[in-house]
PDB file of all heavy atoms in Angstrom:
ATOM      1  N   ALA A   1      94.936 124.436  82.777  1.00  0.00           N
ATOM      2  CA  ALA A   1      94.146 125.662  82.671  1.00  0.00           C
ATOM      3  C   ALA A   1      95.041 126.888  82.556  1.00  0.00           C
ATOM      4  O   ALA A   1      94.772 127.803  81.762  1.00  0.00           O
ATOM      5  CB  ALA A   1      93.230 125.792  83.890  1.00  0.00           C
ATOM      6  N   ILE A   2      96.102 126.918  83.358  1.00  0.00           N
ATOM      7  CA  ILE A   2      97.032 128.045  83.288  1.00  0.00           C
ATOM      8  C   ILE A   2      97.651 128.154  81.897  1.00  0.00           C
ATOM      9  O   ILE A   2      97.899 129.250  81.391  1.00  0.00           O
ATOM     10  CB  ILE A   2      98.124 127.881  84.367  1.00  0.00           C
ATOM     11  CG1 ILE A   2      97.496 128.053  85.762  1.00  0.00           C
ATOM     12  CG2 ILE A   2      99.255 128.880  84.170  1.00  0.00           C
ATOM     13  CD1 ILE A   2      98.425 127.721  86.895  1.00  0.00           C
ATOM     14  N   ARG A   3      97.872 127.018  81.265  1.00  0.00           N
ATOM     15  CA  ARG A   3      98.479 127.000  79.928  1.00  0.00           C
ATOM     16  C   ARG A   3      97.477 127.387  78.845  1.00  0.00           C
ATOM     17  O   ARG A   3      97.803 128.142  77.920  1.00  0.00           O
ATOM     18  CB  ARG A   3      99.040 125.602  79.632  1.00  0.00           C
ATOM     19  CG  ARG A   3      99.817 125.508  78.321  1.00  0.00           C
ATOM     20  CD  ARG A   3     100.274 124.094  78.050  1.00  0.00           C
ATOM     21  NE  ARG A   3      99.173 123.207  77.731  1.00  0.00           N
ATOM     22  CZ  ARG A   3      98.640 123.094  76.513  1.00  0.00           C
ATOM     23  NH1 ARG A   3      99.118 123.829  75.513  1.00  0.00           N
ATOM     24  NH2 ARG A   3      97.643 122.262  76.302  1.00  0.00           N
ATOM     25  N   VAL A   4      96.234 126.924  78.949  1.00  0.00           N
ATOM     26  CA  VAL A   4      95.278 127.033  77.847  1.00  0.00           C
ATOM     27  C   VAL A   4      94.365 128.249  77.957  1.00  0.00           C
ATOM     28  O   VAL A   4      94.070 128.909  76.955  1.00  0.00           O
ATOM     29  CB  VAL A   4      94.430 125.737  77.769  1.00  0.00           C
ATOM     30  CG1 VAL A   4      93.283 125.901  76.767  1.00  0.00           C
ATOM     31  CG2 VAL A   4      95.315 124.564  77.398  1.00  0.00           C
ATOM     32  N   TRP A   5      93.904 128.574  79.148  1.00  0.00           N
ATOM     33  CA  TRP A   5      92.845 129.573  79.295  1.00  0.00           C
ATOM     34  C   TRP A   5      93.195 130.972  78.783  1.00  0.00           C
ATOM     35  O   TRP A   5      92.310 131.657  78.261  1.00  0.00           O
ATOM     36  CB  TRP A   5      92.401 129.662  80.747  1.00  0.00           C
ATOM     37  CG  TRP A   5      91.561 128.487  81.180  1.00  0.00           C
ATOM     38  CD1 TRP A   5      91.347 127.334  80.498  1.00  0.00           C
ATOM     39  CD2 TRP A   5      90.839 128.375  82.403  1.00  0.00           C
ATOM     40  NE1 TRP A   5      90.545 126.489  81.207  1.00  0.00           N
ATOM     41  CE2 TRP A   5      90.207 127.103  82.395  1.00  0.00           C
ATOM     42  CE3 TRP A   5      90.672 129.203  83.499  1.00  0.00           C
ATOM     43  CZ2 TRP A   5      89.419 126.670  83.451  1.00  0.00           C
ATOM     44  CZ3 TRP A   5      89.879 128.769  84.555  1.00  0.00           C
ATOM     45  CH2 TRP A   5      89.262 127.526  84.525  1.00  0.00           C
ATOM     46  N   PRO A   6      94.423 131.450  78.953  1.00  0.00           N
ATOM     47  CA  PRO A   6      94.692 132.810  78.466  1.00  0.00           C
ATOM     48  C   PRO A   6      94.340 133.000  76.992  1.00  0.00           C
ATOM     49  O   PRO A   6      93.857 134.060  76.593  1.00  0.00           O
ATOM     50  CB  PRO A   6      96.192 132.984  78.723  1.00  0.00           C
ATOM     51  CG  PRO A   6      96.470 132.092  79.889  1.00  0.00           C
ATOM     52  CD  PRO A   6      95.603 130.886  79.670  1.00  0.00           C
ATOM     53  N   ALA A   7      94.581 131.976  76.174  1.00  0.00           N
ATOM     54  CA  ALA A   7      94.287 132.080  74.742  1.00  0.00           C
ATOM     55  C   ALA A   7      92.884 131.606  74.403  1.00  0.00           C
ATOM     56  O   ALA A   7      92.296 132.057  73.412  1.00  0.00           O
ATOM     57  CB  ALA A   7      95.313 131.263  73.938  1.00  0.00           C
ATOM     58  N   ASP A   8      92.328 130.704  75.215  1.00  0.00           N
ATOM     59  CA  ASP A   8      91.024 130.121  74.886  1.00  0.00           C
ATOM     60  C   ASP A   8      90.224 129.897  76.163  1.00  0.00           C
ATOM     61  O   ASP A   8      90.041 128.775  76.610  1.00  0.00           O
ATOM     62  CB  ASP A   8      91.229 128.794  74.142  1.00  0.00           C
ATOM     63  CG  ASP A   8      89.918 128.189  73.662  1.00  0.00           C
ATOM     64  OD1 ASP A   8      88.925 128.935  73.559  1.00  0.00           O
ATOM     65  OD2 ASP A   8      89.891 126.960  73.404  1.00  0.00           O
ATOM     66  N   PRO A   9      89.715 130.959  76.783  1.00  0.00           N
ATOM     67  CA  PRO A   9      88.986 130.809  78.052  1.00  0.00           C
ATOM     68  C   PRO A   9      87.685 130.042  77.859  1.00  0.00           C
ATOM     69  O   PRO A   9      86.955 130.284  76.887  1.00  0.00           O
ATOM     70  CB  PRO A   9      88.718 132.259  78.485  1.00  0.00           C
ATOM     71  CG  PRO A   9      88.806 133.043  77.214  1.00  0.00           C
ATOM     72  CD  PRO A   9      89.815 132.360  76.350  1.00  0.00           C
ATOM     73  N   PRO A  10      87.359 129.106  78.749  1.00  0.00           N
ATOM     74  CA  PRO A  10      86.127 128.310  78.593  1.00  0.00           C
ATOM     75  C   PRO A  10      84.900 129.101  79.030  1.00  0.00           C
ATOM     76  O   PRO A  10      84.977 130.007  79.859  1.00  0.00           O
ATOM     77  CB  PRO A  10      86.371 127.124  79.532  1.00  0.00           C
ATOM     78  CG  PRO A  10      87.247 127.688  80.599  1.00  0.00           C
ATOM     79  CD  PRO A  10      88.146 128.690  79.926  1.00  0.00           C
ATOM     80  N   ARG A  11      83.743 128.729  78.494  1.00  0.00           N
ATOM     81  CA  ARG A  11      82.498 129.366  78.917  1.00  0.00           C
ATOM     82  C   ARG A  11      82.111 128.908  80.321  1.00  0.00           C
ATOM     83  O   ARG A  11      81.508 129.647  81.079  1.00  0.00           O
ATOM     84  CB  ARG A  11      81.370 129.038  77.926  1.00  0.00           C
ATOM     85  CG  ARG A  11      81.491 129.724  76.572  1.00  0.00           C
ATOM     86  CD  ARG A  11      80.221 129.562  75.759  1.00  0.00           C
ATOM     87  NE  ARG A  11      79.915 128.142  75.517  1.00  0.00           N
ATOM     88  CZ  ARG A  11      80.392 127.459  74.489  1.00  0.00           C
ATOM     89  NH1 ARG A  11      81.178 128.060  73.604  1.00  0.00           N
ATOM     90  NH2 ARG A  11      80.081 126.191  74.331  1.00  0.00           N
ATOM     91  N   ASP A  12      82.462 127.671  80.646  1.00  0.00           N
ATOM     92  CA  ASP A  12      82.115 127.101  81.951  1.00  0.00           C
ATOM     93  C   ASP A  12      83.404 126.597  82.613  1.00  0.00           C
ATOM     94  O   ASP A  12      83.796 125.455  82.429  1.00  0.00           O
ATOM     95  CB  ASP A  12      81.119 125.952  81.775  1.00  0.00           C
ATOM     96  CG  ASP A  12      80.792 125.252  83.082  1.00  0.00           C
ATOM     97  OD1 ASP A  12      80.991 125.881  84.147  1.00  0.00           O
ATOM     98  OD2 ASP A  12      80.377 124.081  83.045  1.00  0.00           O
ATOM     99  N   PRO A  13      84.096 127.445  83.364  1.00  0.00           N
ATOM    100  CA  PRO A  13      85.394 127.058  83.943  1.00  0.00           C
ATOM    101  C   PRO A  13      85.327 125.795  84.792  1.00  0.00           C
ATOM    102  O   PRO A  13      86.189 124.922  84.700  1.00  0.00           O
ATOM    103  CB  PRO A  13      85.779 128.278  84.784  1.00  0.00           C
ATOM    104  CG  PRO A  13      85.059 129.420  84.138  1.00  0.00           C
ATOM    105  CD  PRO A  13      83.763 128.853  83.668  1.00  0.00           C
ATOM    106  N   LYS A  14      84.289 125.672  85.627  1.00  0.00           N
ATOM    107  CA  LYS A  14      84.213 124.498  86.494  1.00  0.00           C
ATOM    108  C   LYS A  14      83.996 123.229  85.673  1.00  0.00           C
ATOM    109  O   LYS A  14      84.639 122.199  85.921  1.00  0.00           O
ATOM    110  CB  LYS A  14      83.079 124.669  87.515  1.00  0.00           C
ATOM    111  CG  LYS A  14      82.950 123.476  88.455  1.00  0.00           C
ATOM    112  CD  LYS A  14      81.846 123.691  89.475  1.00  0.00           C
ATOM    113  CE  LYS A  14      81.638 122.438  90.315  1.00  0.00           C
ATOM    114  NZ  LYS A  14      80.544 122.593  91.302  1.00  0.00           N
ATOM    115  N   GLY A  15      83.096 123.297  84.700  1.00  0.00           N
ATOM    116  CA  GLY A  15      82.866 122.126  83.856  1.00  0.00           C
ATOM    117  C   GLY A  15      84.125 121.703  83.114  1.00  0.00           C
ATOM    118  O   GLY A  15      84.426 120.514  82.978  1.00  0.00           O
ATOM    119  N   TRP A  16      84.890 122.687  82.620  1.00  0.00           N
ATOM    120  CA  TRP A  16      86.150 122.394  81.920  1.00  0.00           C
ATOM    121  C   TRP A  16      87.120 121.690  82.858  1.00  0.00           C
ATOM    122  O   TRP A  16      87.741 120.680  82.500  1.00  0.00           O
ATOM    123  CB  TRP A  16      86.734 123.709  81.426  1.00  0.00           C
ATOM    124  CG  TRP A  16      87.903 123.598  80.497  1.00  0.00           C
ATOM    125  CD1 TRP A  16      87.892 123.664  79.127  1.00  0.00           C
ATOM    126  CD2 TRP A  16      89.284 123.408  80.866  1.00  0.00           C
ATOM    127  NE1 TRP A  16      89.165 123.533  78.624  1.00  0.00           N
ATOM    128  CE2 TRP A  16      90.042 123.367  79.677  1.00  0.00           C
ATOM    129  CE3 TRP A  16      89.943 123.259  82.081  1.00  0.00           C
ATOM    130  CZ2 TRP A  16      91.428 123.189  79.672  1.00  0.00           C
ATOM    131  CZ3 TRP A  16      91.323 123.069  82.081  1.00  0.00           C
ATOM    132  CH2 TRP A  16      92.047 123.042  80.900  1.00  0.00           C
ATOM    133  N   LEU A  17      87.264 122.211  84.083  1.00  0.00           N
ATOM    134  CA  LEU A  17      88.202 121.622  85.048  1.00  0.00           C
ATOM    135  C   LEU A  17      87.784 120.210  85.434  1.00  0.00           C
ATOM    136  O   LEU A  17      88.625 119.307  85.545  1.00  0.00           O
ATOM    137  CB  LEU A  17      88.300 122.500  86.296  1.00  0.00           C
ATOM    138  CG  LEU A  17      89.077 123.808  86.153  1.00  0.00           C
ATOM    139  CD1 LEU A  17      88.880 124.675  87.393  1.00  0.00           C
ATOM    140  CD2 LEU A  17      90.565 123.541  85.926  1.00  0.00           C
ATOM    141  N   VAL A  18      86.475 119.999  85.654  1.00  0.00           N
ATOM    142  CA  VAL A  18      85.991 118.665  86.012  1.00  0.00           C
ATOM    143  C   VAL A  18      86.301 117.671  84.894  1.00  0.00           C
ATOM    144  O   VAL A  18      86.777 116.551  85.135  1.00  0.00           O
ATOM    145  CB  VAL A  18      84.479 118.701  86.318  1.00  0.00           C
ATOM    146  CG1 VAL A  18      83.910 117.283  86.373  1.00  0.00           C
ATOM    147  CG2 VAL A  18      84.215 119.422  87.629  1.00  0.00           C
ATOM    148  N   THR A  19      86.032 118.073  83.665  1.00  0.00           N
ATOM    149  CA  THR A  19      86.261 117.168  82.534  1.00  0.00           C
ATOM    150  C   THR A  19      87.735 116.798  82.399  1.00  0.00           C
ATOM    151  O   THR A  19      88.090 115.625  82.265  1.00  0.00           O
ATOM    152  CB  THR A  19      85.763 117.818  81.222  1.00  0.00           C
ATOM    153  OG1 THR A  19      84.365 118.071  81.330  1.00  0.00           O
ATOM    154  CG2 THR A  19      86.029 116.915  80.042  1.00  0.00           C
ATOM    155  N   VAL A  20      88.608 117.796  82.448  1.00  0.00           N
ATOM    156  CA  VAL A  20      90.043 117.535  82.304  1.00  0.00           C
ATOM    157  C   VAL A  20      90.569 116.727  83.490  1.00  0.00           C
ATOM    158  O   VAL A  20      91.327 115.767  83.312  1.00  0.00           O
ATOM    159  CB  VAL A  20      90.815 118.861  82.164  1.00  0.00           C
ATOM    160  CG1 VAL A  20      92.316 118.605  82.175  1.00  0.00           C
ATOM    161  CG2 VAL A  20      90.410 119.570  80.874  1.00  0.00           C
ATOM    162  N   ALA A  21      90.159 117.095  84.705  1.00  0.00           N
ATOM    163  CA  ALA A  21      90.625 116.373  85.888  1.00  0.00           C
ATOM    164  C   ALA A  21      90.141 114.933  85.885  1.00  0.00           C
ATOM    165  O   ALA A  21      90.880 114.008  86.239  1.00  0.00           O
ATOM    166  CB  ALA A  21      90.152 117.081  87.153  1.00  0.00           C
ATOM    167  N   TRP A  22      88.894 114.726  85.456  1.00  0.00           N
ATOM    168  CA  TRP A  22      88.367 113.360  85.397  1.00  0.00           C
ATOM    169  C   TRP A  22      89.140 112.516  84.394  1.00  0.00           C
ATOM    170  O   TRP A  22      89.451 111.352  84.654  1.00  0.00           O
ATOM    171  CB  TRP A  22      86.884 113.406  85.041  1.00  0.00           C
ATOM    172  CG  TRP A  22      86.214 112.050  85.068  1.00  0.00           C
ATOM    173  CD1 TRP A  22      85.818 111.319  84.007  1.00  0.00           C
ATOM    174  CD2 TRP A  22      85.903 111.302  86.238  1.00  0.00           C
ATOM    175  NE1 TRP A  22      85.269 110.138  84.424  1.00  0.00           N
ATOM    176  CE2 TRP A  22      85.302 110.103  85.795  1.00  0.00           C
ATOM    177  CE3 TRP A  22      86.069 111.524  87.601  1.00  0.00           C
ATOM    178  CZ2 TRP A  22      84.862 109.129  86.685  1.00  0.00           C
ATOM    179  CZ3 TRP A  22      85.627 110.555  88.489  1.00  0.00           C
ATOM    180  CH2 TRP A  22      85.039 109.372  88.031  1.00  0.00           C
ATOM    181  N   ARG A  23      89.489 113.103  83.268  1.00  0.00           N
ATOM    182  CA  ARG A  23      90.281 112.365  82.276  1.00  0.00           C
ATOM    183  C   ARG A  23      91.665 112.028  82.836  1.00  0.00           C
ATOM    184  O   ARG A  23      92.180 110.928  82.605  1.00  0.00           O
ATOM    185  CB  ARG A  23      90.403 113.183  80.999  1.00  0.00           C
ATOM    186  CG  ARG A  23      89.109 113.240  80.193  1.00  0.00           C
ATOM    187  CD  ARG A  23      89.191 114.231  79.060  1.00  0.00           C
ATOM    188  NE  ARG A  23      87.960 114.258  78.272  1.00  0.00           N
ATOM    189  CZ  ARG A  23      87.619 115.230  77.459  1.00  0.00           C
ATOM    190  NH1 ARG A  23      88.407 116.287  77.316  1.00  0.00           N
ATOM    191  NH2 ARG A  23      86.489 115.163  76.783  1.00  0.00           N
ATOM    192  N   ARG A  24      92.266 112.980  83.567  1.00  0.00           N
ATOM    193  CA  ARG A  24      93.569 112.715  84.168  1.00  0.00           C
ATOM    194  C   ARG A  24      93.454 111.578  85.187  1.00  0.00           C
ATOM    195  O   ARG A  24      94.331 110.715  85.276  1.00  0.00           O
ATOM    196  CB  ARG A  24      94.113 113.967  84.868  1.00  0.00           C
ATOM    197  CG  ARG A  24      94.462 115.098  83.929  1.00  0.00           C
ATOM    198  CD  ARG A  24      95.672 114.756  83.057  1.00  0.00           C
ATOM    199  NE  ARG A  24      96.176 115.924  82.378  1.00  0.00           N
ATOM    200  CZ  ARG A  24      95.712 116.419  81.238  1.00  0.00           C
ATOM    201  NH1 ARG A  24      94.691 115.808  80.637  1.00  0.00           N
ATOM    202  NH2 ARG A  24      96.228 117.497  80.686  1.00  0.00           N
ATOM    203  N   PHE A  25      92.375 111.587  85.952  1.00  0.00           N
ATOM    204  CA  PHE A  25      92.180 110.512  86.924  1.00  0.00           C
ATOM    205  C   PHE A  25      92.042 109.156  86.233  1.00  0.00           C
ATOM    206  O   PHE A  25      92.637 108.157  86.648  1.00  0.00           O
ATOM    207  CB  PHE A  25      90.937 110.785  87.783  1.00  0.00           C
ATOM    208  CG  PHE A  25      90.449 109.553  88.501  1.00  0.00           C
ATOM    209  CD1 PHE A  25      91.160 109.021  89.562  1.00  0.00           C
ATOM    210  CD2 PHE A  25      89.303 108.907  88.081  1.00  0.00           C
ATOM    211  CE1 PHE A  25      90.734 107.873  90.207  1.00  0.00           C
ATOM    212  CE2 PHE A  25      88.870 107.756  88.707  1.00  0.00           C
ATOM    213  CZ  PHE A  25      89.584 107.240  89.769  1.00  0.00           C
ATOM    214  N   LEU A  26      91.240 109.122  85.172  1.00  0.00           N
ATOM    215  CA  LEU A  26      91.045 107.863  84.462  1.00  0.00           C
ATOM    216  C   LEU A  26      92.352 107.359  83.849  1.00  0.00           C
ATOM    217  O   LEU A  26      92.644 106.155  83.866  1.00  0.00           O
ATOM    218  CB  LEU A  26      89.979 108.042  83.379  1.00  0.00           C
ATOM    219  CG  LEU A  26      88.550 108.265  83.890  1.00  0.00           C
ATOM    220  CD1 LEU A  26      87.608 108.482  82.714  1.00  0.00           C
ATOM    221  CD2 LEU A  26      88.094 107.095  84.740  1.00  0.00           C
ATOM    222  N   ASP A  27      93.163 108.277  83.330  1.00  0.00           N
ATOM    223  CA  ASP A  27      94.463 107.875  82.788  1.00  0.00           C
ATOM    224  C   ASP A  27      95.323 107.228  83.867  1.00  0.00           C
ATOM    225  O   ASP A  27      95.972 106.201  83.638  1.00  0.00           O
ATOM    226  CB  ASP A  27      95.183 109.094  82.201  1.00  0.00           C
ATOM    227  CG  ASP A  27      94.546 109.587  80.910  1.00  0.00           C
ATOM    228  OD1 ASP A  27      93.764 108.819  80.307  1.00  0.00           O
ATOM    229  OD2 ASP A  27      94.814 110.748  80.524  1.00  0.00           O
ATOM    230  N   ALA A  28      95.322 107.845  85.064  1.00  0.00           N
ATOM    231  CA  ALA A  28      96.123 107.297  86.159  1.00  0.00           C
ATOM    232  C   ALA A  28      95.576 105.954  86.617  1.00  0.00           C
ATOM    233  O   ALA A  28      96.338 105.029  86.938  1.00  0.00           O
ATOM    234  CB  ALA A  28      96.139 108.281  87.327  1.00  0.00           C
ATOM    235  N   ALA A  29      94.250 105.824  86.631  1.00  0.00           N
ATOM    236  CA  ALA A  29      93.633 104.574  87.069  1.00  0.00           C
ATOM    237  C   ALA A  29      93.970 103.426  86.126  1.00  0.00           C
ATOM    238  O   ALA A  29      94.254 102.307  86.561  1.00  0.00           O
ATOM    239  CB  ALA A  29      92.120 104.755  87.167  1.00  0.00           C
ATOM    240  N   ARG A  30      93.952 103.715  84.821  1.00  0.00           N
ATOM    241  CA  ARG A  30      94.275 102.666  83.841  1.00  0.00           C
ATOM    242  C   ARG A  30      95.727 102.238  83.971  1.00  0.00           C
ATOM    243  O   ARG A  30      96.058 101.067  83.768  1.00  0.00           O
ATOM    244  CB  ARG A  30      94.007 103.186  82.431  1.00  0.00           C
ATOM    245  CG  ARG A  30      92.546 103.514  82.129  1.00  0.00           C
ATOM    246  CD  ARG A  30      92.366 103.861  80.649  1.00  0.00           C
ATOM    247  NE  ARG A  30      91.065 104.465  80.406  1.00  0.00           N
ATOM    248  CZ  ARG A  30      90.861 105.757  80.259  1.00  0.00           C
ATOM    249  NH1 ARG A  30      91.882 106.598  80.314  1.00  0.00           N
ATOM    250  NH2 ARG A  30      89.657 106.221  80.044  1.00  0.00           N
ATOM    251  N   ALA A  31      96.610 103.201  84.269  1.00  0.00           N
ATOM    252  CA  ALA A  31      98.040 102.898  84.343  1.00  0.00           C
ATOM    253  C   ALA A  31      98.418 102.127  85.601  1.00  0.00           C
ATOM    254  O   ALA A  31      99.472 101.511  85.646  1.00  0.00           O
ATOM    255  CB  ALA A  31      98.836 104.199  84.280  1.00  0.00           C
ATOM    256  N   ASP A  32      97.557 102.157  86.606  1.00  0.00           N
ATOM    257  CA  ASP A  32      97.882 101.530  87.881  1.00  0.00           C
ATOM    258  C   ASP A  32      97.147 100.198  87.992  1.00  0.00           C
ATOM    259  O   ASP A  32      95.928 100.151  88.096  1.00  0.00           O
ATOM    260  CB  ASP A  32      97.493 102.466  89.022  1.00  0.00           C
ATOM    261  CG  ASP A  32      98.004 101.985  90.369  1.00  0.00           C
ATOM    262  OD1 ASP A  32      98.385 100.808  90.483  1.00  0.00           O
ATOM    263  OD2 ASP A  32      98.012 102.800  91.305  1.00  0.00           O
ATOM    264  N   ALA A  33      97.910  99.113  88.004  1.00  0.00           N
ATOM    265  CA  ALA A  33      97.288  97.783  88.034  1.00  0.00           C
ATOM    266  C   ALA A  33      96.450  97.580  89.287  1.00  0.00           C
ATOM    267  O   ALA A  33      95.447  96.847  89.257  1.00  0.00           O
ATOM    268  CB  ALA A  33      98.371  96.718  87.961  1.00  0.00           C
TER     269      ALA A  33
END
């Protein structure tokens, strides 16, 4: 968010954070046997 928002602020900050964080979690879950 710190990297992206200054140039492209989201309409729904919480929804954006949930979506990105959930994807990061899923990536970590797949990588961990």
